[in-house]
Amino acid sequence: MPLLTFLRDNARWLLAGGLLTFLSSFGQTFFISIFAGEIRAEFDLSHGAWGAIYAIGTTLSAMLMVSAGGLTDRFRSRVLGGTGLVCLALACLGMAVNASVWLLPLAILGLRFFGQGMMGLIAMVSMSRWFVAARGRALSLAGLGVTLGQAVLPVIFVALMSVLPWRSLWVIAAGIALLGVPLLLLLLREERTPQSHAEESHAAGMDGRHWRRGEVLRHPFFWLMAPALLGPPAFGTALFFQQVHLTEVKGWELFDFVALMPIFTIGTLTAMILSGAAIDRLGTARLLPVYLVPMGVAFLFFGLGGPLWTAGIAFALMSLTQGMQATLPNALWAEFFGTRHLGSIKSMGTAIMVFGTAIGPFLTGALIDAGIGIEAQFVGIAVYFAGAVGAIVAGLALVERRSGVPVPERTG
C-alpha cells in the first residue's frame, strides 16, 4: 500500500500512537534533565545525590513495568491510555508541589513509570497489535511523537523558565497531559479492528502460536537479546548525561557540541522511517544483526576522536541505531512471539530498556569518580556493542535451529 494511502486510511490510529509517545516526553530524561539545576538547588543536592535519586526512581519504574505491562493485554488502548495520561498529569503535579527531598524519588518514579514507561508501551503494543503487514511503518510513524517532543519541548520550556518559576512549568505539563485525554478518546472512539482487544488477536509468532511471558523468559533468545535492549538506552542516556564532562575533556565548547544535535535528530527520523519500511519488507531477523553496529562505531569516534567534526560523525552514526531502536525491538516481540500476550512480553523488554536509562549515567559517573576517563569508557562501550551483536547472531542461529526465523506477513 502506498504511504499516502496508508496515512489517509489510518491517520486516526497513527495519530493516537503519536500522541501517546509525544506526551511520554514529560517522563523522558531529555525533559526532566532541563530542571536538574533548579531541583538540585531547591533540595540542596550534589550531582551525585541527584543522579542517585534519579536512578532509584527509574529502577523502581522498570520493576513496576514487569507486572503492569500485562494490563495492555486486558484493557483497550483508549481506556488504558486515558487513565495513564491522568496519572501522568498527577505525577507532573506531584513534582510541582513536592517540598520533601525524601519524596523526590517517588515523584521521579511517577514521571518515569507513567511517562517513559506506560505511554510508550501502550502506543507500541497498540501499533503492533492493530497492524500486521504494515507493522513496521506504523511503529515508525507513531514513534515520531517522542522525536517531536525531544525537538520542541525542551526549547519551549527552557524559554518559559526565564519568565516562570520551574514549579509552574510542571503545572503546565500536567495541563498538557490532561488535554491529551479527550483528544485520545476522540481519536480512538472506534479502535482500528476487532484486534484492538488482545483476546481477538490472531497474529501468531514462532511455531504458529502465541507465547506466554513465562515461556519467553525460558527461551534463550530473550536473554541473548537483553544486551542489545539494554545498550542503546543505557549508553545513549549516559552520553547526554555526561556531555558537559565530555566537552571539558575534549576541549570542545558545549554550545558547539550541542549545535550538532540537528544531525542526530534528522538521522534518527530518517532511520526510524526507513527501518519501519524495511521491517515490513524484510522482517526483523535480517535487520537485527546490523542495527547496533553504527552505535558501536559512534562510541569509538566519541572516545578516540579529537576535532569536533568527529563528534558530528559520531552523532550521525548513533542516530541510525537510535532510529532503528524505536521500531525493531517493538516489532520483534510481535513477530517472534505473537500478539495475544504482547503487553506482558513487551513489558519485560521495556523494563530492561528503562533500567538501562538508570544504570548508564550511574555507571559512567561511578567510573569517572574511580579514575577511569570518559574516553576510555566510550571505547569500552564500543566493545560492549560488539559483544551484543555477537549475542544477537547467536540467538538468531538458535531460533533458526529450533523453530525457523519468522518472516514478515504479506497480507492482513
Foldseek 3Di string as FASTA:
>chain_A
DDPVVVCVVCVLLLVLLLLLLLLLLQLDCLAVVLCVVVVCVLAVHDPLRSLVLLLLLLLVLLVVLLPVLQVQQADFLLVQSLVLLLQLLVLLLCVLPDNDPVCSSVSSNSSNNSRVNPSNLSSLLQLLQLDFLLSLQSLLSSNVNNLVNSVPVSVVVVVVVVPDPPSVVSNVSSVVSNVVSVSSCVSVVPRRDPSSHLVPGLLFAFPRHADAQVVVVPAVLVVLLLLVLLQLLQQVLQCVVCVVVLCVVLVHDSVVLVVLVVLLSVLLSVLQNVLSVVCSVWNLLVVLLPLLLLQLVLLLLSQVPRDSVSNSSSSNSSSNSNNNSSRRVSNVCCHHRNSSSSSSNVSNSSSSSSSSNSVRNVVLVVVVVVVNDPSNVSNVSSVSSVSSSVSNVVSQVVCCVPGRRGGGDNDD
